[in-house]
Each structure stands twice: as structure tokens, then as C-alpha cells.
Amino acid sequence: MVKDMKIEVLGSGCAKCNKTKELAEKAVKETGVDAEIVKVEDFETILNYGVMITPALVIDGDVKIAGKIPSLDDIKKWITE
């Protein structure tokens, strides 16, 4: 089991960004992974990841998806692999 995973949801706080955060929280709950979920709204931080379109999901510094809402199944797969 992965411990102390950091999941970042990059976005301005739009509906899609909030939905992505909800899905990340649900995936963490359903898989039992010990993860911290952080909402990142700072534009400079988002750009530092090379992300131009939000929402984006970053797991332990690795951008998994940008520009669309990931599926719950995708998030579960990413946090358990």
C-alpha cells in the first residue's frame, strides 16, 4: 500500500476542477490509499507543471491528465499502481 501520496488538483476553482477534486476524494476513499488531496489554484504553480488547460490531476508530481475530468476508474488505477 502506498503511503503519503500527494494528489494535486490544478485549477481555478471552476465546476470541472471541483468535480475532479470530488472524484479524487472518492477514489482515495474507495481504494483506501493514504493520500493528501490538495487544491492548487495558484496560476504560477499550475504553469510550473507545464499545464495550460485545467482541470489537471497531479499524483506525486506526475501530471496524469490535463484539460478534462478524469474518470473515477482512471484515478483509482493511477493511485494504486
N, C-alpha and C. Protein backbone atom coordinates (compact mmCIF):
# COMPACT_ATOMS: atom_id res chain seq x y z
N MET A 1 0.85 -1.19 0.00
CA MET A 1 0.00 0.00 0.00
C MET A 1 0.89 1.25 0.00
N VAL A 2 0.56 2.16 -0.88
CA VAL A 2 1.32 3.40 -0.99
C VAL A 2 0.92 4.32 0.17
N LYS A 3 1.90 4.89 0.79
CA LYS A 3 1.64 5.81 1.91
C LYS A 3 2.05 7.23 1.54
N ASP A 4 1.37 8.17 2.13
CA ASP A 4 1.73 9.58 1.99
C ASP A 4 1.79 10.03 0.52
N MET A 5 0.85 9.60 -0.26
CA MET A 5 0.75 10.05 -1.64
C MET A 5 0.20 11.48 -1.65
N LYS A 6 0.67 12.27 -2.59
CA LYS A 6 0.14 13.63 -2.71
C LYS A 6 -0.58 13.77 -4.04
N ILE A 7 -1.85 14.08 -3.97
CA ILE A 7 -2.66 14.29 -5.16
C ILE A 7 -3.00 15.77 -5.22
N GLU A 8 -2.67 16.38 -6.36
CA GLU A 8 -2.97 17.79 -6.53
C GLU A 8 -3.98 17.95 -7.66
N VAL A 9 -5.01 18.75 -7.37
CA VAL A 9 -5.99 19.09 -8.40
C VAL A 9 -5.68 20.53 -8.80
N LEU A 10 -5.25 20.70 -10.05
CA LEU A 10 -4.88 22.02 -10.54
C LEU A 10 -6.08 22.65 -11.23
N GLY A 11 -6.39 23.88 -10.83
CA GLY A 11 -7.50 24.58 -11.47
C GLY A 11 -7.93 25.80 -10.70
N SER A 12 -8.70 26.62 -11.37
CA SER A 12 -9.09 27.92 -10.83
C SER A 12 -10.27 27.84 -9.85
N GLY A 13 -10.83 26.67 -9.68
CA GLY A 13 -11.99 26.55 -8.81
C GLY A 13 -13.27 26.46 -9.62
N CYS A 14 -13.15 26.19 -10.90
CA CYS A 14 -14.31 26.03 -11.78
C CYS A 14 -15.04 24.73 -11.46
N ALA A 15 -16.20 24.55 -12.03
CA ALA A 15 -17.01 23.36 -11.76
C ALA A 15 -16.26 22.08 -12.12
N LYS A 16 -15.54 22.09 -13.25
CA LYS A 16 -14.79 20.90 -13.67
C LYS A 16 -13.67 20.58 -12.69
N CYS A 17 -13.03 21.63 -12.17
CA CYS A 17 -11.95 21.43 -11.20
C CYS A 17 -12.51 20.85 -9.91
N ASN A 18 -13.65 21.38 -9.48
CA ASN A 18 -14.28 20.88 -8.26
C ASN A 18 -14.72 19.43 -8.43
N LYS A 19 -15.24 19.09 -9.60
CA LYS A 19 -15.66 17.72 -9.89
C LYS A 19 -14.45 16.78 -9.86
N THR A 20 -13.33 17.24 -10.41
CA THR A 20 -12.10 16.43 -10.40
C THR A 20 -11.66 16.16 -8.97
N LYS A 21 -11.74 17.18 -8.12
CA LYS A 21 -11.36 17.01 -6.71
C LYS A 21 -12.30 16.01 -6.03
N GLU A 22 -13.60 16.13 -6.30
CA GLU A 22 -14.57 15.19 -5.72
C GLU A 22 -14.24 13.75 -6.13
N LEU A 23 -13.93 13.56 -7.41
CA LEU A 23 -13.60 12.22 -7.90
C LEU A 23 -12.33 11.69 -7.25
N ALA A 24 -11.33 12.55 -7.07
CA ALA A 24 -10.09 12.14 -6.42
C ALA A 24 -10.37 11.70 -4.98
N GLU A 25 -11.19 12.47 -4.28
CA GLU A 25 -11.54 12.12 -2.90
C GLU A 25 -12.28 10.79 -2.84
N LYS A 26 -13.19 10.58 -3.79
CA LYS A 26 -13.95 9.33 -3.83
C LYS A 26 -13.03 8.15 -4.14
N ALA A 27 -12.10 8.33 -5.07
CA ALA A 27 -11.16 7.26 -5.43
C ALA A 27 -10.29 6.88 -4.24
N VAL A 28 -9.82 7.88 -3.51
CA VAL A 28 -8.98 7.63 -2.34
C VAL A 28 -9.77 6.87 -1.28
N LYS A 29 -11.00 7.29 -1.07
CA LYS A 29 -11.86 6.64 -0.07
C LYS A 29 -12.14 5.18 -0.46
N GLU A 30 -12.46 4.96 -1.74
CA GLU A 30 -12.83 3.62 -2.19
C GLU A 30 -11.64 2.65 -2.25
N THR A 31 -10.44 3.18 -2.47
CA THR A 31 -9.27 2.30 -2.57
C THR A 31 -8.55 2.16 -1.24
N GLY A 32 -8.82 3.08 -0.30
CA GLY A 32 -8.16 3.03 0.99
C GLY A 32 -6.72 3.50 0.96
N VAL A 33 -6.33 4.18 -0.12
CA VAL A 33 -4.97 4.71 -0.24
C VAL A 33 -4.82 5.90 0.71
N ASP A 34 -3.68 5.98 1.35
CA ASP A 34 -3.38 7.09 2.26
C ASP A 34 -2.83 8.23 1.43
N ALA A 35 -3.68 9.21 1.14
CA ALA A 35 -3.25 10.30 0.27
C ALA A 35 -3.76 11.64 0.77
N GLU A 36 -2.95 12.65 0.50
CA GLU A 36 -3.33 14.02 0.80
C GLU A 36 -3.81 14.63 -0.52
N ILE A 37 -4.98 15.22 -0.50
CA ILE A 37 -5.51 15.86 -1.70
C ILE A 37 -5.46 17.37 -1.52
N VAL A 38 -4.79 18.03 -2.45
CA VAL A 38 -4.58 19.47 -2.35
C VAL A 38 -5.15 20.14 -3.59
N LYS A 39 -5.87 21.23 -3.38
CA LYS A 39 -6.39 22.02 -4.49
C LYS A 39 -5.38 23.12 -4.77
N VAL A 40 -4.88 23.18 -5.99
CA VAL A 40 -3.89 24.19 -6.37
C VAL A 40 -4.54 25.19 -7.32
N GLU A 41 -4.68 26.43 -6.84
CA GLU A 41 -5.30 27.46 -7.66
C GLU A 41 -4.31 28.53 -8.09
N ASP A 42 -3.07 28.42 -7.61
CA ASP A 42 -2.05 29.40 -7.96
C ASP A 42 -1.59 29.19 -9.40
N PHE A 43 -1.83 30.21 -10.23
CA PHE A 43 -1.56 30.10 -11.67
C PHE A 43 -0.10 29.77 -11.97
N GLU A 44 0.81 30.37 -11.22
CA GLU A 44 2.24 30.13 -11.46
C GLU A 44 2.61 28.67 -11.16
N THR A 45 2.07 28.13 -10.08
CA THR A 45 2.33 26.73 -9.74
C THR A 45 1.79 25.81 -10.83
N ILE A 46 0.59 26.12 -11.32
CA ILE A 46 -0.01 25.32 -12.39
C ILE A 46 0.88 25.35 -13.64
N LEU A 47 1.35 26.54 -13.99
CA LEU A 47 2.23 26.67 -15.17
C LEU A 47 3.55 25.94 -14.97
N ASN A 48 4.05 25.89 -13.74
CA ASN A 48 5.29 25.19 -13.46
C ASN A 48 5.19 23.70 -13.77
N TYR A 49 3.98 23.17 -13.74
CA TYR A 49 3.76 21.77 -14.13
C TYR A 49 3.65 21.62 -15.65
N GLY A 50 3.65 22.75 -16.35
CA GLY A 50 3.50 22.70 -17.80
C GLY A 50 2.06 22.55 -18.23
N VAL A 51 1.14 22.79 -17.31
CA VAL A 51 -0.28 22.63 -17.60
C VAL A 51 -0.85 23.95 -18.10
N MET A 52 -1.46 23.90 -19.28
CA MET A 52 -2.05 25.10 -19.87
C MET A 52 -3.58 25.09 -19.76
N ILE A 53 -4.16 23.90 -19.66
CA ILE A 53 -5.61 23.77 -19.61
C ILE A 53 -5.98 22.99 -18.35
N THR A 54 -6.91 23.53 -17.58
CA THR A 54 -7.38 22.85 -16.38
C THR A 54 -8.77 22.29 -16.64
N PRO A 55 -9.23 21.34 -15.86
CA PRO A 55 -8.57 20.80 -14.67
C PRO A 55 -7.42 19.87 -15.02
N ALA A 56 -6.53 19.71 -14.08
CA ALA A 56 -5.44 18.75 -14.23
C ALA A 56 -5.29 17.99 -12.91
N LEU A 57 -4.81 16.76 -13.02
CA LEU A 57 -4.59 15.93 -11.83
C LEU A 57 -3.14 15.52 -11.79
N VAL A 58 -2.49 15.82 -10.67
CA VAL A 58 -1.08 15.52 -10.48
C VAL A 58 -0.96 14.57 -9.30
N ILE A 59 -0.26 13.46 -9.53
CA ILE A 59 -0.04 12.49 -8.44
C ILE A 59 1.46 12.38 -8.20
N ASP A 60 1.87 12.74 -6.98
CA ASP A 60 3.28 12.73 -6.61
C ASP A 60 4.15 13.43 -7.65
N GLY A 61 3.70 14.60 -8.11
CA GLY A 61 4.48 15.41 -9.03
C GLY A 61 4.37 15.02 -10.49
N ASP A 62 3.60 13.98 -10.78
CA ASP A 62 3.45 13.49 -12.15
C ASP A 62 2.07 13.89 -12.69
N VAL A 63 2.04 14.70 -13.75
CA VAL A 63 0.77 15.12 -14.34
C VAL A 63 0.13 13.92 -15.05
N LYS A 64 -1.03 13.50 -14.58
CA LYS A 64 -1.71 12.33 -15.14
C LYS A 64 -2.69 12.71 -16.24
N ILE A 65 -3.34 13.86 -16.08
CA ILE A 65 -4.31 14.29 -17.08
C ILE A 65 -4.46 15.80 -16.97
N ALA A 66 -4.71 16.44 -18.11
CA ALA A 66 -4.94 17.89 -18.12
C ALA A 66 -5.98 18.21 -19.18
N GLY A 67 -6.82 19.18 -18.87
CA GLY A 67 -7.79 19.65 -19.85
C GLY A 67 -9.12 18.94 -19.83
N LYS A 68 -9.25 17.90 -19.01
CA LYS A 68 -10.56 17.24 -18.89
C LYS A 68 -10.67 16.53 -17.56
N ILE A 69 -11.91 16.18 -17.21
CA ILE A 69 -12.17 15.50 -15.96
C ILE A 69 -11.82 14.02 -16.14
N PRO A 70 -10.96 13.49 -15.28
CA PRO A 70 -10.61 12.06 -15.38
C PRO A 70 -11.77 11.20 -14.88
N SER A 71 -11.81 9.96 -15.32
CA SER A 71 -12.83 9.05 -14.82
C SER A 71 -12.41 8.54 -13.45
N LEU A 72 -13.39 8.13 -12.66
CA LEU A 72 -13.11 7.57 -11.34
C LEU A 72 -12.20 6.35 -11.47
N ASP A 73 -12.47 5.51 -12.47
CA ASP A 73 -11.65 4.31 -12.68
C ASP A 73 -10.21 4.65 -13.00
N ASP A 74 -10.00 5.70 -13.82
CA ASP A 74 -8.63 6.12 -14.14
C ASP A 74 -7.90 6.56 -12.88
N ILE A 75 -8.55 7.37 -12.07
CA ILE A 75 -7.91 7.86 -10.83
C ILE A 75 -7.55 6.68 -9.93
N LYS A 76 -8.49 5.74 -9.79
CA LYS A 76 -8.21 4.57 -8.94
C LYS A 76 -7.00 3.80 -9.47
N LYS A 77 -6.93 3.65 -10.77
CA LYS A 77 -5.80 2.93 -11.39
C LYS A 77 -4.49 3.67 -11.10
N TRP A 78 -4.49 4.99 -11.28
CA TRP A 78 -3.27 5.77 -11.06
C TRP A 78 -2.79 5.72 -9.61
N ILE A 79 -3.71 5.75 -8.67
CA ILE A 79 -3.28 5.80 -7.27
C ILE A 79 -2.96 4.45 -6.68
N THR A 80 -3.28 3.37 -7.40
CA THR A 80 -2.98 2.05 -6.88
C THR A 80 -1.84 1.37 -7.63
N GLU A 81 -1.37 1.97 -8.72
CA GLU A 81 -0.29 1.32 -9.49
C GLU A 81 1.07 1.61 -8.88
